[in-house]
Amino acid sequence: MTLLVQKYGGTSVASIERIKAVAEKVAASRKAGNQLVVVLSAMSGVTNNLLAWANEVQADPNVRELDVLLSTGEQTTIALLAMALEELGCPARSYTGGQVKILTDAAHTKARIIDIEQEHIRRDLDNGEVVVVAGFQGVTEAGDITTLGRGGSDTTAVALAAALKADECQIYTDVDGVYTTDPRVVANARRLDSITFEEMLEMSSLGAKVLQIRSVEFASKYNVPLRVLSSFEEGPGTYIGSEDATMMELPLISGIAFTRDEAKLSILGVPDIPGMAHKVFGPISAAGIEVDVIVQNIGNDQTNDITFTVQRKDTAKASKILEGVAKEIKAEQVLVDDKVAKLSIVGVGMRSHAGIASRMFETLANESINIQLITTSEIKISIVIEEKYLELAVRALHDAFELEGPDSKS
């Protein structure tokens, strides 16, 4: 029998009607001969409501109690789905993370999985039952409830699939797969039949919202085949796997990812002596600010200009820190621009094909789009541009690399 782990997100279980629809889908898969472990998120919006209540009660909620509270969202959906399956004549049993014993460390609200006990799950599967597990949560060795942080239900599903050596981990969401870029920006964006772990990692980290990067890292590490599917319509979805398992002749570019959540900061006239980079980025790091793109230009006057990007919400904090650093090291000036965006082209085919960067830069030049920063890896090229040109740049590059769907041209 094929063992599948299926994960359904908040929009998939947002109402009783949708929970019943998920139950029908799960029951049909079991009837087809599959063994099933189903991982659920809380109903859409519930976790945010619980968090809002916590903040009304306590200005800075105790993280242990916050995890106890937030974990109740998934408890609701797993019980309701198990009931809906039983109503369809499909035997099912629900488990919280603690009941399974998804063992985690004690880092409340952002716990890491250490181990998963399989005894209960395997027993129920052998008895022909569907096992329904609460996503997003686990338990410490001391018995405290923990939550796994953002994207935690995806992580739960992939971790269970790895532990159980499932044939596939299927992530059901409100889109029918991974697209070459955001269809809201490019109408003829194409759903990818397959993509490598490495490409999906890059696209997730660069702004694609289909899968959380932590779950993709887990899947890549343990070689768990993933498939992204729609809860609301039938289709093959997008398969995510190792390079050998996805395709033999890899395309030049698989997709274009972007994020508008960027701000660019520059510190000019930094003395060209050892230790200056640490003096700049040490305080930024200590403040918990994540730095993305970094570029350093060496001038002829024994000074450097250092430019980097941060999330836009951190602009004011980073700017204040940088002004203090500039005074300390006697730098000339600090510049801030929070009207920028980052765009990246991603594809493992870059490894074996020359001229990708040249085509990208030529395309943008033809549209009179100025590139402010560039960073590269083996399988990606990322640029920072003015935000007002972002959608034009995405569409132009999508056309230039011929990523459109088969029916988009007359």
Protein backbone atom coordinates (compact mmCIF):
# COMPACT_ATOMS: atom_id res chain seq x y z
CA MET A 1 0.00 0.00 0.00
CA THR A 2 1.08 3.56 -0.68
CA LEU A 3 1.65 5.64 2.45
CA LEU A 4 0.77 9.29 2.02
CA VAL A 5 1.05 12.20 4.40
CA GLN A 6 -1.45 14.92 3.46
CA LYS A 7 -1.42 18.40 4.95
CA TYR A 8 -4.37 20.79 4.70
CA GLY A 9 -3.88 24.45 5.49
CA GLY A 10 -6.14 26.96 7.20
CA THR A 11 -8.13 27.95 4.12
CA SER A 12 -8.77 24.25 3.37
CA VAL A 13 -10.45 23.77 6.78
CA ALA A 14 -11.88 27.28 7.19
CA SER A 15 -15.48 26.12 7.72
CA ILE A 16 -17.50 23.01 8.52
CA GLU A 17 -18.37 22.70 4.82
CA ARG A 18 -14.69 22.73 3.88
CA ILE A 19 -13.80 20.23 6.59
CA LYS A 20 -16.49 17.92 5.19
CA ALA A 21 -15.02 18.40 1.69
CA VAL A 22 -11.55 17.47 3.01
CA ALA A 23 -13.09 14.39 4.65
CA GLU A 24 -14.55 13.29 1.31
CA LYS A 25 -11.18 13.76 -0.40
CA VAL A 26 -9.37 11.79 2.32
CA ALA A 27 -11.96 9.01 2.36
CA ALA A 28 -11.72 8.66 -1.43
CA SER A 29 -7.93 8.36 -1.22
CA ARG A 30 -8.22 5.67 1.46
CA LYS A 31 -10.81 3.80 -0.62
CA ALA A 32 -8.30 3.84 -3.49
CA GLY A 33 -5.98 1.77 -1.30
CA ASN A 34 -3.74 4.36 0.32
CA GLN A 35 -2.67 4.54 3.95
CA LEU A 36 -3.12 8.10 5.16
CA VAL A 37 -1.73 10.40 7.81
CA VAL A 38 -3.50 13.78 7.63
CA VAL A 39 -1.96 16.91 9.19
CA LEU A 40 -4.20 19.93 9.78
CA SER A 41 -3.74 23.61 10.49
CA ALA A 42 -6.19 25.63 12.54
CA MET A 43 -9.14 27.19 10.74
CA SER A 44 -8.11 30.28 8.79
CA GLY A 45 -7.90 33.29 11.12
CA VAL A 46 -8.21 31.32 14.39
CA THR A 47 -4.52 31.50 15.37
CA ASN A 48 -4.51 35.28 14.84
CA ASN A 49 -7.63 35.62 17.00
CA LEU A 50 -6.07 33.56 19.78
CA LEU A 51 -2.93 35.68 19.62
CA ALA A 52 -5.01 38.86 19.81
CA TRP A 53 -6.81 37.56 22.91
CA ALA A 54 -3.48 36.75 24.54
CA ASN A 55 -2.25 40.29 23.92
CA GLU A 56 -5.44 41.72 25.44
CA VAL A 57 -4.87 39.73 28.62
CA GLN A 58 -1.10 40.20 28.97
CA ALA A 59 1.06 42.90 27.41
CA ASP A 60 3.92 40.47 26.82
CA PRO A 61 2.31 37.01 26.86
CA ASN A 62 4.12 34.24 28.73
CA VAL A 63 5.43 32.04 25.92
CA ARG A 64 4.66 28.76 27.67
CA GLU A 65 1.02 29.75 28.15
CA LEU A 66 0.89 31.21 24.64
CA ASP A 67 1.82 27.82 23.20
CA VAL A 68 -0.90 26.15 25.31
CA LEU A 69 -3.41 28.63 23.89
CA LEU A 70 -2.30 28.56 20.25
CA SER A 71 -2.28 24.77 20.11
CA THR A 72 -6.05 24.67 20.66
CA GLY A 73 -6.73 25.84 17.10
CA GLU A 74 -5.46 22.60 15.57
CA GLN A 75 -7.17 20.50 18.26
CA THR A 76 -10.50 21.79 16.98
CA THR A 77 -9.88 20.89 13.34
CA ILE A 78 -8.44 17.42 13.96
CA ALA A 79 -11.41 16.41 16.11
CA LEU A 80 -13.92 17.74 13.58
CA LEU A 81 -12.19 16.01 10.65
CA ALA A 82 -12.05 12.70 12.53
CA MET A 83 -15.79 13.00 13.20
CA ALA A 84 -16.50 13.88 9.56
CA LEU A 85 -14.51 10.82 8.40
CA GLU A 86 -16.37 8.54 10.82
CA GLU A 87 -19.65 9.94 9.46
CA LEU A 88 -18.55 8.81 5.99
CA GLY A 89 -17.82 5.32 7.31
CA CYS A 90 -14.05 5.90 7.24
CA PRO A 91 -12.40 4.92 10.56
CA ALA A 92 -10.19 7.71 11.89
CA ARG A 93 -8.38 8.75 15.05
CA SER A 94 -7.08 12.20 15.93
CA TYR A 95 -3.91 13.04 17.85
CA THR A 96 -2.40 16.23 19.20
CA GLY A 97 1.33 16.68 18.80
CA GLY A 98 1.79 15.62 22.41
CA GLN A 99 -0.30 12.47 21.99
CA VAL A 100 1.75 11.34 19.02
CA LYS A 101 4.77 12.50 20.93
CA ILE A 102 6.34 14.85 18.47
CA LEU A 103 9.26 15.60 20.76
CA THR A 104 10.71 19.12 20.52
CA ASP A 105 13.18 21.32 22.31
CA ALA A 106 11.86 23.87 24.82
CA ALA A 107 12.06 26.96 22.58
CA HIS A 108 8.43 28.04 22.98
CA THR A 109 6.74 29.58 19.88
CA LYS A 110 9.64 28.44 17.65
CA ALA A 111 10.44 24.90 18.80
CA ARG A 112 12.51 22.44 16.77
CA ILE A 113 11.55 18.80 16.32
CA ILE A 114 13.94 16.31 17.95
CA ASP A 115 12.13 12.99 17.42
CA ILE A 116 8.75 11.49 16.54
CA GLU A 117 7.35 8.35 18.16
CA GLN A 118 5.69 6.16 15.54
CA GLU A 119 4.05 3.43 17.64
CA HIS A 120 0.50 4.84 17.78
CA ILE A 121 0.48 5.94 14.17
CA ARG A 122 1.73 2.63 12.75
CA ARG A 123 -0.70 0.66 14.90
CA ASP A 124 -3.67 2.70 13.65
CA LEU A 125 -2.52 2.54 10.03
CA ASP A 126 -2.18 -1.24 10.30
CA ASN A 127 -5.75 -1.31 11.66
CA GLY A 128 -7.00 0.50 8.56
CA GLU A 129 -7.59 3.86 10.25
CA VAL A 130 -6.82 7.33 8.95
CA VAL A 131 -4.52 9.09 11.42
CA VAL A 132 -5.30 12.79 11.86
CA VAL A 133 -2.50 14.82 13.50
CA ALA A 134 -2.46 18.41 14.72
CA GLY A 135 0.14 20.40 12.85
CA PHE A 136 2.27 23.22 14.26
CA GLN A 137 2.76 21.65 17.70
CA GLY A 138 4.80 19.24 19.77
CA VAL A 139 5.77 18.51 23.35
CA THR A 140 8.95 18.75 25.40
CA GLU A 141 10.46 15.92 27.39
CA ALA A 142 8.98 17.60 30.47
CA GLY A 143 5.49 17.47 28.94
CA ASP A 144 5.09 21.14 28.03
CA ILE A 145 3.18 21.96 24.84
CA THR A 146 5.26 23.78 22.20
CA THR A 147 4.51 25.33 18.81
CA LEU A 148 6.83 25.25 15.83
CA GLY A 149 6.51 28.82 14.57
CA ARG A 150 5.57 30.11 11.17
CA GLY A 151 4.85 27.36 8.65
CA GLY A 152 4.78 24.83 11.47
CA SER A 153 2.07 22.61 9.99
CA ASP A 154 4.09 22.14 6.80
CA THR A 155 7.06 21.22 8.97
CA THR A 156 4.96 18.72 10.96
CA ALA A 157 3.80 17.04 7.75
CA VAL A 158 7.28 16.75 6.26
CA ALA A 159 8.75 15.52 9.55
CA LEU A 160 6.07 12.81 9.83
CA ALA A 161 6.65 11.79 6.21
CA ALA A 162 10.38 11.51 6.90
CA ALA A 163 9.90 9.50 10.12
CA LEU A 164 7.35 7.14 8.55
CA LYS A 165 9.25 6.90 5.23
CA ALA A 166 6.09 7.91 3.39
CA ASP A 167 5.92 7.57 -0.37
CA GLU A 168 4.92 11.22 -0.75
CA CYS A 169 4.05 14.27 1.34
CA GLN A 170 1.16 16.16 -0.25
CA ILE A 171 0.65 19.80 0.73
CA TYR A 172 -2.94 20.88 -0.04
CA THR A 173 -3.44 24.62 -0.22
CA ASP A 174 -5.50 27.26 -2.05
CA VAL A 175 -3.33 27.16 -5.20
CA ASP A 176 -2.91 24.24 -7.57
CA GLY A 177 0.87 24.16 -7.59
CA VAL A 178 4.05 26.20 -7.89
CA TYR A 179 4.01 28.77 -10.70
CA THR A 180 6.78 30.35 -12.74
CA THR A 181 5.86 33.60 -10.95
CA ASP A 182 2.89 35.20 -9.22
CA PRO A 183 -0.13 34.87 -11.58
CA ARG A 184 -1.51 38.10 -10.13
CA VAL A 185 1.43 39.93 -11.73
CA VAL A 186 1.86 37.81 -14.89
CA ALA A 187 -1.47 36.51 -16.19
CA ASN A 188 0.17 33.81 -18.32
CA ALA A 189 2.36 32.41 -15.54
CA ARG A 190 2.64 28.62 -15.90
CA ARG A 191 2.20 25.93 -13.29
CA LEU A 192 5.38 23.87 -13.05
CA ASP A 193 5.02 20.10 -13.33
CA SER A 194 8.14 19.66 -11.21
CA ILE A 195 10.87 21.61 -9.49
CA THR A 196 13.97 20.63 -7.52
CA PHE A 197 14.36 21.02 -3.77
CA GLU A 198 17.17 23.49 -4.40
CA GLU A 199 15.03 25.68 -6.66
CA MET A 200 12.10 25.57 -4.25
CA LEU A 201 14.39 26.55 -1.38
CA GLU A 202 15.59 29.57 -3.32
CA MET A 203 12.08 30.58 -4.42
CA SER A 204 10.69 30.21 -0.88
CA SER A 205 13.52 32.28 0.60
CA LEU A 206 13.16 34.92 -2.12
CA GLY A 207 9.47 35.64 -1.68
CA ALA A 208 7.41 32.75 -3.10
CA LYS A 209 4.71 32.04 -0.49
CA VAL A 210 3.57 28.53 -1.52
CA LEU A 211 5.77 26.65 0.97
CA GLN A 212 7.63 27.75 4.06
CA ILE A 213 11.40 27.46 3.65
CA ARG A 214 11.81 25.42 6.84
CA SER A 215 9.61 22.59 5.53
CA VAL A 216 11.48 22.54 2.20
CA GLU A 217 14.82 22.36 4.05
CA PHE A 218 13.48 19.40 6.04
CA ALA A 219 12.24 17.66 2.89
CA SER A 220 15.55 18.19 1.12
CA LYS A 221 17.58 16.94 4.08
CA TYR A 222 15.58 13.71 4.38
CA ASN A 223 14.74 13.41 0.66
CA VAL A 224 10.97 13.46 1.23
CA PRO A 225 9.11 13.81 -2.10
CA LEU A 226 6.69 16.77 -1.91
CA ARG A 227 3.68 17.63 -4.02
CA VAL A 228 1.74 20.92 -3.86
CA LEU A 229 -1.94 20.47 -4.72
CA SER A 230 -5.19 22.43 -4.55
CA SER A 231 -7.82 21.57 -1.95
CA PHE A 232 -10.51 23.00 -4.21
CA GLU A 233 -9.88 21.47 -7.63
CA GLU A 234 -8.43 18.28 -9.03
CA GLY A 235 -5.06 18.27 -10.76
CA PRO A 236 -1.53 16.85 -10.69
CA GLY A 237 -0.04 19.80 -8.78
CA THR A 238 3.71 20.40 -8.70
CA TYR A 239 6.17 17.69 -7.70
CA ILE A 240 9.20 18.79 -5.66
CA GLY A 241 12.09 16.39 -5.35
CA SER A 242 15.77 15.74 -5.94
CA GLU A 243 17.36 16.87 -9.18
CA ASP A 244 17.49 13.30 -10.53
CA ALA A 245 13.85 12.65 -9.67
CA THR A 246 12.41 15.79 -11.25
CA MET A 247 13.70 15.95 -14.81
CA MET A 248 16.68 14.98 -16.93
CA GLU A 249 17.05 18.06 -19.12
CA LEU A 250 16.61 21.00 -16.81
CA PRO A 251 15.22 24.33 -18.06
CA LEU A 252 17.37 27.45 -17.94
CA ILE A 253 15.02 29.24 -15.56
CA SER A 254 12.26 27.65 -13.49
CA GLY A 255 10.76 30.76 -11.97
CA ILE A 256 10.89 34.38 -10.94
CA ALA A 257 10.47 35.28 -7.26
CA PHE A 258 10.19 38.76 -5.83
CA THR A 259 9.51 40.68 -2.65
CA ARG A 260 8.43 44.26 -2.12
CA ASP A 261 9.40 44.09 1.57
CA GLU A 262 12.84 45.63 1.11
CA ALA A 263 14.73 48.73 2.20
CA LYS A 264 18.25 49.70 1.14
CA LEU A 265 20.75 51.33 3.49
CA SER A 266 24.19 52.67 2.60
CA ILE A 267 27.02 53.88 4.80
CA LEU A 268 29.51 55.92 2.78
CA GLY A 269 33.14 56.73 3.43
CA VAL A 270 33.90 53.81 5.76
CA PRO A 271 37.63 53.69 6.59
CA ASP A 272 39.32 50.89 4.62
CA ILE A 273 40.83 49.06 7.58
CA PRO A 274 40.22 45.58 9.04
CA GLY A 275 37.20 45.17 11.31
CA MET A 276 34.98 47.84 9.79
CA ALA A 277 32.44 45.38 8.39
CA HIS A 278 32.00 43.90 11.85
CA LYS A 279 31.54 47.36 13.36
CA VAL A 280 28.76 47.99 10.83
CA PHE A 281 26.94 44.66 10.95
CA GLY A 282 27.62 43.63 14.57
CA PRO A 283 25.11 46.11 16.07
CA ILE A 284 22.61 45.36 13.29
CA SER A 285 22.77 41.65 14.12
CA ALA A 286 22.60 42.28 17.86
CA ALA A 287 19.32 44.14 17.31
CA GLY A 288 17.82 41.04 15.67
CA ILE A 289 17.67 42.61 12.20
CA GLU A 290 18.14 40.23 9.27
CA VAL A 291 20.41 41.51 6.51
CA ASP A 292 19.89 40.27 2.97
CA VAL A 293 21.93 41.60 0.03
CA ILE A 294 25.33 43.13 0.89
CA VAL A 295 27.59 45.01 -1.53
CA GLN A 296 30.89 46.74 -0.69
CA ASN A 297 32.61 49.16 -3.06
CA ILE A 298 36.27 50.03 -2.52
CA GLY A 299 37.16 53.60 -3.49
CA ASN A 300 40.48 55.20 -4.39
CA ASP A 301 40.55 57.37 -1.26
CA GLN A 302 41.09 54.51 1.22
CA THR A 303 37.40 54.37 2.13
CA ASN A 304 34.60 51.93 1.34
CA ASP A 305 30.89 52.30 0.68
CA ILE A 306 28.79 49.49 2.17
CA THR A 307 25.21 48.94 1.00
CA PHE A 308 22.78 46.32 2.26
CA THR A 309 19.08 45.53 2.40
CA VAL A 310 16.78 44.72 5.31
CA GLN A 311 13.07 44.02 5.68
CA ARG A 312 11.14 47.25 5.32
CA LYS A 313 9.66 47.02 8.82
CA ASP A 314 13.22 47.25 10.21
CA THR A 315 14.15 50.41 8.28
CA ALA A 316 13.84 52.92 11.11
CA LYS A 317 15.64 50.73 13.65
CA ALA A 318 18.47 49.87 11.23
CA SER A 319 18.85 53.50 10.16
CA LYS A 320 19.16 54.69 13.76
CA ILE A 321 21.81 52.06 14.52
CA LEU A 322 23.72 52.91 11.35
CA GLU A 323 23.76 56.64 12.19
CA GLY A 324 25.38 55.77 15.53
CA VAL A 325 27.93 53.51 13.85
CA ALA A 326 28.76 56.22 11.30
CA LYS A 327 29.63 58.67 14.08
CA GLU A 328 31.71 56.07 15.90
CA ILE A 329 33.84 55.07 12.91
CA LYS A 330 33.82 58.56 11.32
CA ALA A 331 32.03 57.49 8.16
CA GLU A 332 30.79 60.27 5.88
CA GLN A 333 27.08 59.65 5.40
CA VAL A 334 24.13 57.25 5.79
CA LEU A 335 21.55 56.91 2.99
CA VAL A 336 18.19 55.17 3.29
CA ASP A 337 15.81 54.12 0.50
CA ASP A 338 12.63 52.22 1.40
CA LYS A 339 11.17 52.30 -2.11
CA VAL A 340 13.08 49.31 -3.50
CA ALA A 341 12.17 45.70 -4.30
CA LYS A 342 14.14 42.51 -4.86
CA LEU A 343 13.63 40.31 -7.92
CA SER A 344 15.32 36.95 -8.52
CA ILE A 345 15.46 34.46 -11.37
CA VAL A 346 15.97 30.87 -10.25
CA GLY A 347 16.96 27.73 -12.12
CA VAL A 348 19.37 24.82 -11.73
CA GLY A 349 19.90 25.03 -15.49
CA MET A 350 22.13 28.06 -14.84
CA ARG A 351 24.91 25.69 -13.84
CA SER A 352 25.31 24.41 -17.38
CA HIS A 353 24.31 27.41 -19.49
CA ALA A 354 26.19 30.66 -20.05
CA GLY A 355 24.63 34.02 -20.85
CA ILE A 356 21.74 33.99 -18.35
CA ALA A 357 22.91 37.14 -16.55
CA SER A 358 23.59 38.89 -19.84
CA ARG A 359 20.07 38.16 -21.12
CA MET A 360 18.58 39.33 -17.82
CA PHE A 361 20.50 42.61 -17.83
CA GLU A 362 19.79 43.27 -21.52
CA THR A 363 16.06 42.73 -20.95
CA LEU A 364 15.99 45.21 -18.10
CA ALA A 365 18.07 47.73 -20.04
CA ASN A 366 15.57 47.56 -22.90
CA GLU A 367 12.87 48.58 -20.41
CA SER A 368 15.09 51.39 -19.00
CA ILE A 369 15.14 49.73 -15.57
CA ASN A 370 18.22 50.56 -13.53
CA ILE A 371 19.79 47.81 -11.39
CA GLN A 372 20.97 49.07 -8.01
CA LEU A 373 22.40 45.88 -6.46
CA ILE A 374 23.25 42.40 -7.77
CA THR A 375 23.93 39.17 -5.92
CA THR A 376 24.29 35.67 -7.34
CA SER A 377 24.56 32.01 -6.43
CA GLU A 378 24.95 28.88 -8.54
CA ILE A 379 21.25 28.78 -9.38
CA LYS A 380 19.97 32.32 -8.88
CA ILE A 381 20.55 35.95 -9.77
CA SER A 382 18.96 38.53 -7.48
CA ILE A 383 18.74 42.25 -8.16
CA VAL A 384 17.44 45.28 -6.27
CA ILE A 385 15.52 47.86 -8.31
CA GLU A 386 13.08 50.71 -7.72
CA GLU A 387 9.81 49.25 -6.50
CA LYS A 388 7.73 51.12 -9.08
CA TYR A 389 9.41 49.09 -11.87
CA LEU A 390 8.97 45.69 -10.21
CA GLU A 391 5.93 44.37 -12.08
CA LEU A 392 7.27 45.64 -15.43
CA ALA A 393 10.56 43.84 -14.73
CA VAL A 394 8.82 40.58 -13.79
CA ARG A 395 6.70 40.57 -16.93
CA ALA A 396 9.64 41.47 -19.19
CA LEU A 397 11.85 38.70 -17.76
CA HIS A 398 8.99 36.19 -17.86
CA ASP A 399 8.69 36.85 -21.61
CA ALA A 400 12.45 36.96 -22.21
CA PHE A 401 12.98 33.51 -20.68
CA GLU A 402 9.84 32.11 -22.35
CA LEU A 403 8.21 30.97 -19.12
CA GLU A 404 4.64 31.51 -20.30
CA GLY A 405 2.03 28.76 -20.42
CA PRO A 406 1.43 26.76 -23.62
CA ASP A 407 -1.87 28.50 -24.44
CA SER A 408 -0.76 32.04 -23.81
CA LYS A 409 0.38 32.87 -27.35
CA SER A 410 -1.84 33.03 -30.39
